[in-house]
Amino acid sequence: MSLMLYNSLTDKLEEFKPIHGNRVNMYVCGPTVYNFIHLGNARPVIFYDMLKRYLTFLGYDVRYASNITDVDDKIIHRAMEEKTSEREVAQYYEKAFFEATQMVGSRKPDFIPHATDYIGEMIEFIQELIASGYAYEMDGDVYFRVSKIEDYGCLSNQNKEDLNQGARISVNDKKENPLDFTLWKKTSDGIKWDSPFGKGRPGWHTECVVMNRKLFGEEIDIHGGGMDLKFPHHENEIAQCEALYHHHLAKYWIHVGRLEFGGTKMSKSLGNCIYVKDLKTTKEGMVLRALVVFSPYRSIISYSEDLRLQYEKEYEKWQRAYKQALYELQYRNIESEEVSSEYLEQFKEYMNQDFNVQNVLTLIQGMIKDMNTSLRTKQYQTLSVLVNTLKTIFDVLGINLFIEKMKDNELEVYKNWNEARANKDFAAADIYRRKLTEWNIL
């Protein structure tokens, strides 16, 4: 079965067919670095890391980019509050961001473009939009002319007439149309750059289009982000791309559902956040990753302590089974790289169904039972295959059980413990057991 993805642009499941055969170009909107990230912010980071891992597992050559927005009103306000520079604020919270993403097992993207490195290209892009009639300048601000994009609203399934009547559209007398969005913002506060339009800074919706173009040079395969970016951010990216490049920026648009806490969206502005930096151990990071990975990615996650405990127990069950199996195989000197093609094919079948992770979880639970049975019945070759297969699946999902083979001295004690038990020398076995328990092997 081929990989099927839900494409937000067409609003349907589609077979994944990259533009360039085996190569996949993927871009995901990254953070605005003005604060620490919370669990809701971490959800898309975890999902798109897993998506890259899975596409690589399928044999694709994936080039994954995710940007850093290091110029924004929020960064400027934070710099003013802390009496420091925007650059220092951005660098501090970018470092914190990558520490947090490492805590939840996500690797860095292949490309990490920073908005401030592309200001010149953004100015050139805006000039092209003005020259082609898609943008206009008013008193140092530059706006995009939405009326010239016939299918504006195609991603969010809205039409311009309904949007114009929407109560949430702010009124700005300088705009030709309430829907027109800012490409360049005139400012006297905070960081700013010289431009043909005057001193200012670029609008948020422009940076991703420009960076995509500079990195990939053409329509990409996958563009992703959280569901809240669908409108207006991603819609406005498409509009700009249509204006100059005559395509929708990406062939497949993927959006991840939000994470709620206490019945509402987890949000810094609402003050209902649990920050990733407050996770105390790598195990807590993996429990959060498991919770996210095994939740259908387009659905809302209603986060609670009960839900977290459910996945903590599940994770501990995986750890126990894997540790017992790995140590027993090491003790018996059974080494093999063989995996179960049957289990891996089942894994791919579920993942190819737009990431049917609930079935993947059931599959893993079945594998854990089979491992325990093989250990109990001393079917060590079967156990070895199951251990290798489970590790392969967890590597694709980015879940680390943090179980390594025993060191030589630990293995020696483990052997002595087994021999003492076999010889019914329970006093010696207790001594060895205490040592192994101290080392967290038992």
Protein backbone atom coordinates (compact mmCIF):
# COMPACT_ATOMS: atom_id res chain seq x y z
CA MET A 1 0.00 0.00 0.00
CA SER A 2 1.33 3.43 -0.94
CA LEU A 3 1.58 6.25 1.58
CA MET A 4 -1.68 8.17 1.78
CA LEU A 5 -1.64 11.69 3.22
CA TYR A 6 -4.46 14.07 4.03
CA ASN A 7 -3.82 17.14 1.92
CA SER A 8 -5.30 20.28 3.49
CA LEU A 9 -5.16 22.03 0.11
CA THR A 10 -7.49 19.56 -1.59
CA ASP A 11 -9.27 18.52 1.61
CA LYS A 12 -8.87 14.82 0.87
CA LEU A 13 -6.61 11.81 1.22
CA GLU A 14 -4.10 11.53 -1.59
CA GLU A 15 -1.37 9.12 -2.57
CA PHE A 16 2.00 10.66 -1.83
CA LYS A 17 3.93 11.18 -5.07
CA PRO A 18 6.95 13.47 -4.70
CA ILE A 19 7.66 15.93 -7.50
CA HIS A 20 11.17 14.57 -8.07
CA GLY A 21 10.86 10.82 -7.66
CA ASN A 22 12.83 9.74 -4.62
CA ARG A 23 13.63 13.24 -3.31
CA VAL A 24 11.33 14.98 -0.86
CA ASN A 25 11.55 18.71 -0.09
CA MET A 26 9.74 19.57 3.13
CA TYR A 27 9.34 22.91 4.91
CA VAL A 28 7.71 23.44 8.30
CA CYS A 29 7.02 26.80 9.92
CA GLY A 30 9.26 27.09 12.95
CA PRO A 31 9.09 29.14 16.15
CA THR A 32 9.10 32.84 16.80
CA VAL A 33 11.86 32.89 19.40
CA TYR A 34 10.65 35.21 22.15
CA ASN A 35 9.73 32.72 24.89
CA PHE A 36 10.06 29.07 25.95
CA ILE A 37 7.95 26.51 24.13
CA HIS A 38 5.08 24.70 25.83
CA LEU A 39 3.70 21.22 25.19
CA GLY A 40 1.36 22.54 22.51
CA ASN A 41 4.28 24.10 20.62
CA ALA A 42 6.16 20.81 20.90
CA ARG A 43 3.42 18.79 19.20
CA PRO A 44 4.19 19.83 15.58
CA VAL A 45 7.94 19.59 16.27
CA ILE A 46 7.48 15.96 17.29
CA PHE A 47 5.14 15.07 14.45
CA TYR A 48 7.25 16.51 11.61
CA ASP A 49 10.39 14.92 13.05
CA MET A 50 8.54 11.59 12.95
CA LEU A 51 7.33 12.33 9.41
CA LYS A 52 10.89 12.87 8.22
CA ARG A 53 12.05 9.70 9.96
CA TYR A 54 9.23 7.68 8.37
CA LEU A 55 9.79 9.04 4.87
CA THR A 56 13.50 8.20 5.27
CA PHE A 57 12.53 4.71 6.45
CA LEU A 58 10.50 4.31 3.25
CA GLY A 59 13.63 5.10 1.26
CA TYR A 60 13.09 8.76 0.38
CA ASP A 61 15.91 11.30 0.37
CA VAL A 62 14.33 13.95 2.59
CA ARG A 63 15.53 17.56 2.77
CA TYR A 64 13.78 19.09 5.76
CA ALA A 65 13.80 22.83 6.48
CA SER A 66 12.23 24.67 9.40
CA ASN A 67 12.75 28.38 9.93
CA ILE A 68 13.49 30.58 12.91
CA THR A 69 11.49 33.82 13.04
CA ASP A 70 13.99 36.09 14.77
CA VAL A 71 12.33 39.41 13.97
CA ASP A 72 8.79 40.06 15.22
CA ASP A 73 6.85 42.47 17.41
CA LYS A 74 6.89 39.94 20.26
CA ILE A 75 10.68 39.74 20.16
CA ILE A 76 10.94 43.54 20.10
CA HIS A 77 8.61 43.86 23.09
CA ARG A 78 10.55 41.20 25.02
CA ALA A 79 13.83 43.02 24.27
CA MET A 80 12.34 46.28 25.57
CA GLU A 81 11.08 44.55 28.73
CA GLU A 82 14.47 42.97 29.39
CA LYS A 83 16.42 46.07 28.29
CA THR A 84 18.47 44.07 25.83
CA SER A 85 18.71 43.64 22.06
CA GLU A 86 16.39 41.68 19.82
CA ARG A 87 19.35 39.60 18.70
CA GLU A 88 20.16 38.55 22.26
CA VAL A 89 16.52 37.67 22.95
CA ALA A 90 16.29 35.62 19.76
CA GLN A 91 19.55 33.77 20.35
CA TYR A 92 18.65 32.94 23.96
CA TYR A 93 15.23 31.51 23.13
CA GLU A 94 16.45 29.74 20.00
CA LYS A 95 18.99 27.88 22.14
CA ALA A 96 16.22 27.06 24.63
CA PHE A 97 14.02 25.86 21.76
CA PHE A 98 16.55 23.33 20.52
CA GLU A 99 17.25 22.13 24.05
CA ALA A 100 13.52 21.53 24.46
CA THR A 101 13.15 19.73 21.13
CA GLN A 102 16.10 17.51 22.04
CA MET A 103 14.33 16.67 25.30
CA VAL A 104 11.38 15.27 23.32
CA GLY A 105 13.65 13.32 20.95
CA SER A 106 13.44 15.53 17.86
CA ARG A 107 16.49 16.05 15.67
CA LYS A 108 17.43 19.38 14.16
CA PRO A 109 16.12 19.96 10.61
CA ASP A 110 18.60 19.80 7.74
CA PHE A 111 18.16 23.53 7.10
CA ILE A 112 17.37 26.19 9.72
CA PRO A 113 16.99 29.51 7.88
CA HIS A 114 16.74 32.66 9.99
CA ALA A 115 14.47 35.48 8.85
CA THR A 116 17.08 38.16 9.54
CA ASP A 117 19.50 36.49 7.10
CA TYR A 118 17.05 37.03 4.22
CA ILE A 119 15.97 40.65 4.66
CA GLY A 120 17.56 41.74 1.37
CA GLU A 121 15.82 38.94 -0.51
CA MET A 122 12.50 39.84 1.13
CA ILE A 123 12.85 43.47 0.02
CA GLU A 124 13.55 42.34 -3.55
CA PHE A 125 10.54 40.01 -3.42
CA ILE A 126 8.27 42.81 -2.21
CA GLN A 127 9.55 45.08 -4.97
CA GLU A 128 8.66 42.42 -7.53
CA LEU A 129 5.15 42.17 -6.10
CA ILE A 130 4.73 45.94 -6.36
CA ALA A 131 6.07 46.00 -9.93
CA SER A 132 3.65 43.27 -10.98
CA GLY A 133 0.65 45.00 -9.41
CA TYR A 134 0.17 42.53 -6.56
CA ALA A 135 1.27 44.94 -3.84
CA TYR A 136 1.07 48.65 -3.10
CA GLU A 137 2.80 51.11 -0.80
CA MET A 138 0.99 53.44 1.57
CA ASP A 139 2.95 55.82 3.80
CA GLY A 140 5.91 53.48 4.18
CA ASP A 141 3.83 50.34 4.68
CA VAL A 142 3.42 47.79 1.88
CA TYR A 143 0.32 45.63 1.50
CA PHE A 144 -0.51 42.61 -0.64
CA ARG A 145 -3.49 43.07 -2.98
CA VAL A 146 -5.63 40.01 -2.14
CA SER A 147 -8.28 40.89 -4.74
CA LYS A 148 -5.90 39.81 -7.52
CA ILE A 149 -5.77 36.19 -6.26
CA GLU A 150 -8.83 34.42 -7.63
CA ASP A 151 -8.72 31.39 -5.34
CA TYR A 152 -7.75 33.21 -2.14
CA GLY A 153 -9.11 31.11 0.71
CA CYS A 154 -8.46 27.83 -1.13
CA LEU A 155 -6.51 26.32 1.77
CA SER A 156 -8.88 27.32 4.55
CA ASN A 157 -12.00 26.65 2.43
CA GLN A 158 -13.22 30.24 2.71
CA ASN A 159 -14.18 32.71 0.03
CA LYS A 160 -13.21 36.35 -0.11
CA GLU A 161 -16.79 37.57 0.29
CA ASP A 162 -17.26 35.70 3.58
CA LEU A 163 -13.86 36.79 4.82
CA ASN A 164 -14.62 40.42 4.04
CA GLN A 165 -17.72 40.18 6.18
CA GLY A 166 -15.86 38.48 9.02
CA ALA A 167 -15.88 40.35 12.27
CA ARG A 168 -12.26 39.41 12.99
CA ILE A 169 -10.85 41.34 10.01
CA SER A 170 -9.31 44.52 11.36
CA VAL A 171 -10.17 47.81 9.72
CA ASN A 172 -7.27 49.86 8.39
CA ASP A 173 -8.04 53.01 6.44
CA LYS A 174 -4.77 52.77 4.54
CA LYS A 175 -5.70 49.44 2.99
CA GLU A 176 -7.59 49.11 -0.28
CA ASN A 177 -9.27 46.02 1.12
CA PRO A 178 -9.61 44.76 4.73
CA LEU A 179 -8.10 41.42 3.66
CA ASP A 180 -4.91 42.96 2.31
CA PHE A 181 -2.01 41.90 4.54
CA THR A 182 1.26 43.58 5.46
CA LEU A 183 4.41 42.80 3.49
CA TRP A 184 6.53 45.60 4.96
CA LYS A 185 5.84 47.43 8.19
CA LYS A 186 7.06 50.97 8.75
CA THR A 187 8.36 51.34 12.26
CA SER A 188 10.30 53.62 14.52
CA ASP A 189 10.48 51.10 17.38
CA GLY A 190 12.94 48.27 17.69
CA ILE A 191 15.05 46.64 15.03
CA LYS A 192 14.56 47.95 11.48
CA TRP A 193 16.15 47.96 8.06
CA ASP A 194 16.49 50.47 5.24
CA SER A 195 14.37 49.77 2.19
CA PRO A 196 12.97 51.61 -0.86
CA PHE A 197 9.77 51.99 1.18
CA GLY A 198 11.53 53.50 4.21
CA LYS A 199 12.85 52.07 7.48
CA GLY A 200 10.93 49.09 8.74
CA ARG A 201 10.77 45.31 8.87
CA PRO A 202 9.12 42.58 6.80
CA GLY A 203 5.73 41.07 7.51
CA TRP A 204 5.60 37.55 8.92
CA HIS A 205 3.77 36.05 5.93
CA THR A 206 6.57 36.91 3.51
CA GLU A 207 9.56 35.29 5.16
CA CYS A 208 8.59 31.65 4.58
CA VAL A 209 7.87 32.22 0.89
CA VAL A 210 11.24 33.88 0.34
CA MET A 211 13.21 31.31 2.34
CA ASN A 212 11.47 28.43 0.56
CA ARG A 213 12.39 29.96 -2.77
CA LYS A 214 16.03 30.46 -1.79
CA LEU A 215 16.39 26.98 -0.30
CA PHE A 216 14.49 24.91 -2.86
CA GLY A 217 13.98 27.19 -5.87
CA GLU A 218 10.60 25.73 -6.83
CA GLU A 219 7.38 24.18 -5.62
CA ILE A 220 8.11 21.86 -2.71
CA ASP A 221 6.52 18.54 -1.83
CA ILE A 222 5.33 19.17 1.74
CA HIS A 223 4.59 22.32 3.70
CA GLY A 224 3.52 21.85 7.30
CA GLY A 225 2.67 23.57 10.54
CA GLY A 226 0.02 23.69 13.23
CA MET A 227 -3.66 23.87 12.34
CA ASP A 228 -3.75 27.48 13.59
CA LEU A 229 -1.38 28.51 10.78
CA LYS A 230 -3.75 27.47 8.02
CA PHE A 231 -5.35 30.92 8.05
CA PRO A 232 -4.12 33.52 7.61
CA HIS A 233 -0.40 32.61 7.55
CA HIS A 234 -0.37 29.70 5.11
CA GLU A 235 -3.17 31.19 3.05
CA ASN A 236 -1.11 34.34 2.62
CA GLU A 237 1.99 32.35 1.71
CA ILE A 238 0.04 30.68 -1.08
CA ALA A 239 -1.28 34.04 -2.32
CA GLN A 240 2.22 35.51 -2.65
CA CYS A 241 3.55 32.39 -4.30
CA GLU A 242 0.71 32.34 -6.81
CA ALA A 243 1.35 36.00 -7.62
CA LEU A 244 4.97 35.56 -8.72
CA TYR A 245 5.54 31.83 -9.19
CA HIS A 246 2.09 30.60 -10.31
CA HIS A 247 1.84 27.61 -7.95
CA HIS A 248 0.60 26.93 -4.41
CA LEU A 249 4.09 26.75 -2.87
CA ALA A 250 3.65 23.08 -1.95
CA LYS A 251 1.99 20.05 -3.47
CA TYR A 252 0.89 18.67 -0.10
CA TRP A 253 -0.14 20.83 2.85
CA ILE A 254 -0.19 19.06 6.23
CA HIS A 255 -1.56 20.52 9.43
CA VAL A 256 -1.29 19.21 12.98
CA GLY A 257 -4.13 19.63 15.48
CA ARG A 258 -3.70 21.68 18.63
CA LEU A 259 -3.08 20.49 22.16
CA GLU A 260 -5.62 21.67 24.73
CA PHE A 261 -5.24 21.91 28.48
CA GLY A 262 -8.21 22.45 30.75
CA GLY A 263 -10.61 22.54 27.82
CA THR A 264 -8.89 25.34 25.95
CA LYS A 265 -5.89 25.80 23.67
CA MET A 266 -2.59 25.83 25.53
CA SER A 267 -1.40 29.39 25.02
CA LYS A 268 1.20 31.72 26.49
CA SER A 269 -1.29 34.60 26.32
CA LEU A 270 -3.83 32.60 28.34
CA GLY A 271 -1.23 31.57 30.88
CA ASN A 272 -2.27 27.90 30.85
CA CYS A 273 1.10 26.52 29.75
CA ILE A 274 3.22 23.57 30.75
CA TYR A 275 6.69 24.30 29.41
CA VAL A 276 8.92 21.63 27.93
CA LYS A 277 11.88 23.08 29.86
CA ASP A 278 10.14 22.03 33.08
CA LEU A 279 10.28 18.34 32.18
CA LYS A 280 12.79 16.93 34.66
CA THR A 281 14.09 13.80 32.94
CA THR A 282 14.63 12.37 29.47
CA LYS A 283 12.04 9.77 30.38
CA GLU A 284 9.43 12.52 30.84
CA GLY A 285 10.38 13.83 27.41
CA MET A 286 9.85 10.41 25.87
CA VAL A 287 6.51 9.96 27.63
CA LEU A 288 5.35 13.25 26.10
CA ARG A 289 6.65 12.14 22.71
CA ALA A 290 4.76 8.85 22.99
CA LEU A 291 1.59 10.72 23.94
CA VAL A 292 1.92 12.94 20.86
CA VAL A 293 3.08 10.23 18.45
CA PHE A 294 0.20 7.89 19.29
CA SER A 295 -2.49 10.59 19.06
CA PRO A 296 -4.06 11.00 15.59
CA TYR A 297 -2.14 13.99 14.29
CA ARG A 298 -5.10 15.95 12.89
CA SER A 299 -7.18 15.63 16.06
CA ILE A 300 -7.15 17.77 19.18
CA ILE A 301 -5.20 16.36 22.13
CA SER A 302 -6.96 17.06 25.44
CA TYR A 303 -3.93 16.94 27.68
CA SER A 304 -4.37 15.90 31.29
CA GLU A 305 -2.35 14.31 34.07
CA ASP A 306 -4.40 11.11 33.65
CA LEU A 307 -3.49 10.95 29.96
CA ARG A 308 0.18 11.54 30.75
CA LEU A 309 0.14 8.78 33.40
CA GLN A 310 -1.47 6.41 30.90
CA TYR A 311 1.47 6.85 28.53
CA GLU A 312 4.00 6.77 31.35
CA LYS A 313 2.74 3.31 32.33
CA GLU A 314 2.81 2.21 28.70
CA TYR A 315 6.36 3.49 28.28
CA GLU A 316 7.52 1.70 31.44
CA LYS A 317 5.97 -1.51 30.14
CA TRP A 318 7.99 -1.19 26.92
CA GLN A 319 11.15 -0.49 28.91
CA ARG A 320 10.70 -3.55 31.16
CA ALA A 321 10.02 -5.94 28.32
CA TYR A 322 12.82 -4.62 26.13
CA LYS A 323 15.35 -4.61 28.98
CA GLN A 324 14.57 -8.17 30.08
CA ALA A 325 14.78 -9.43 26.51
CA LEU A 326 17.96 -7.53 25.61
CA TYR A 327 19.83 -8.66 28.74
CA GLU A 328 18.78 -12.26 28.38
CA LEU A 329 19.96 -12.32 24.76
CA GLN A 330 23.25 -10.74 25.79
CA TYR A 331 23.67 -13.29 28.59
CA ARG A 332 23.11 -16.13 26.14
CA ASN A 333 25.41 -14.48 23.57
CA ILE A 334 22.70 -14.42 20.90
CA GLU A 335 23.44 -11.74 18.31
CA SER A 336 21.44 -11.16 15.15
CA GLU A 337 20.22 -8.26 13.04
CA GLU A 338 17.25 -10.18 11.65
CA VAL A 339 13.89 -8.39 11.77
CA SER A 340 10.35 -9.56 11.17
CA SER A 341 9.23 -8.55 7.69
CA GLU A 342 5.68 -9.45 8.71
CA TYR A 343 5.62 -6.96 11.59
CA LEU A 344 7.37 -4.25 9.59
CA GLU A 345 4.93 -4.65 6.71
CA GLN A 346 2.05 -4.34 9.16
CA PHE A 347 3.71 -1.24 10.62
CA LYS A 348 4.02 0.31 7.16
CA GLU A 349 0.45 -0.57 6.28
CA TYR A 350 -0.85 1.33 9.32
CA MET A 351 1.51 4.27 8.90
CA ASN A 352 0.62 4.54 5.22
CA GLN A 353 -3.01 5.12 6.20
CA ASP A 354 -2.34 8.80 6.94
CA PHE A 355 -0.51 7.67 10.10
CA ASN A 356 -2.97 5.33 11.75
CA VAL A 357 -0.97 5.46 14.97
CA GLN A 358 -3.64 3.88 17.15
CA ASN A 359 -3.23 0.65 15.18
CA VAL A 360 0.55 1.01 15.42
CA LEU A 361 0.21 1.22 19.21
CA THR A 362 -1.89 -1.96 19.22
CA LEU A 363 0.75 -3.63 17.04
CA ILE A 364 3.48 -2.69 19.51
CA GLN A 365 1.43 -3.95 22.43
CA GLY A 366 1.07 -7.28 20.61
CA MET A 367 4.82 -7.42 20.00
CA ILE A 368 5.50 -6.81 23.70
CA LYS A 369 3.26 -9.77 24.58
CA ASP A 370 5.05 -11.94 22.03
CA MET A 371 8.41 -10.91 23.48
CA ASN A 372 7.33 -11.85 26.99
CA THR A 373 6.01 -15.18 25.74
CA SER A 374 9.23 -15.92 23.84
CA LEU A 375 11.28 -15.07 26.92
CA ARG A 376 9.16 -17.29 29.15
CA THR A 377 9.26 -20.24 26.69
CA LYS A 378 12.97 -19.72 25.95
CA GLN A 379 12.47 -19.14 22.20
CA TYR A 380 15.53 -16.94 22.01
CA GLN A 381 15.88 -16.68 18.23
CA THR A 382 12.28 -15.50 17.98
CA LEU A 383 12.95 -13.11 20.87
CA SER A 384 15.97 -11.67 19.05
CA VAL A 385 13.92 -10.96 15.92
CA LEU A 386 11.22 -9.27 17.98
CA VAL A 387 13.73 -7.10 19.85
CA ASN A 388 15.34 -5.95 16.60
CA THR A 389 11.98 -5.24 15.00
CA LEU A 390 10.67 -3.29 17.98
CA LYS A 391 13.82 -1.16 18.04
CA THR A 392 13.45 -0.46 14.31
CA ILE A 393 9.87 0.74 14.82
CA PHE A 394 10.74 2.85 17.84
CA ASP A 395 13.66 4.43 15.94
CA VAL A 396 11.25 5.47 13.17
CA LEU A 397 8.87 6.95 15.75
CA GLY A 398 11.77 8.65 17.52
CA ILE A 399 11.05 6.89 20.83
CA ASN A 400 14.15 6.10 22.87
CA LEU A 401 13.84 3.54 25.66
CA PHE A 402 17.31 4.42 26.98
CA ILE A 403 18.26 0.76 27.41
CA GLU A 404 21.83 -0.18 26.50
CA LYS A 405 23.61 -3.52 26.65
CA MET A 406 25.29 -4.42 29.93
CA LYS A 407 28.91 -3.48 30.47
CA ASP A 408 31.38 -6.34 30.94
CA ASN A 409 31.38 -6.09 34.73
CA GLU A 410 27.58 -5.92 34.80
CA LEU A 411 27.30 -8.92 32.50
CA GLU A 412 29.65 -10.88 34.76
CA VAL A 413 27.43 -10.21 37.80
CA TYR A 414 24.35 -11.05 35.73
CA LYS A 415 25.90 -14.41 34.82
CA ASN A 416 26.82 -15.10 38.44
CA TRP A 417 23.26 -14.28 39.50
CA ASN A 418 21.81 -16.74 36.98
CA GLU A 419 24.26 -19.46 38.00
CA ALA A 420 23.55 -18.93 41.70
CA ARG A 421 19.83 -19.24 41.05
CA ALA A 422 20.37 -22.38 38.97
CA ASN A 423 22.43 -23.88 41.80
CA LYS A 424 19.81 -22.78 44.37
CA ASP A 425 22.43 -20.71 46.16
CA PHE A 426 19.89 -18.15 47.20
CA ALA A 427 22.15 -16.24 49.57
CA ALA A 428 24.66 -15.55 46.76
CA ALA A 429 21.80 -14.84 44.30
CA ASP A 430 20.44 -12.18 46.70
CA ILE A 431 23.84 -10.48 46.85
CA TYR A 432 24.11 -10.41 43.06
CA ARG A 433 20.50 -9.25 42.74
CA ARG A 434 21.10 -6.31 45.06
CA LYS A 435 24.06 -5.25 42.92
CA LEU A 436 22.06 -5.59 39.69
CA THR A 437 19.17 -3.65 41.21
CA GLU A 438 21.58 -0.91 42.25
CA TRP A 439 22.74 -0.70 38.62
CA ASN A 440 19.10 -0.63 37.43
CA ILE A 441 19.55 -3.86 35.50
CA LEU A 442 16.82 -5.65 37.44
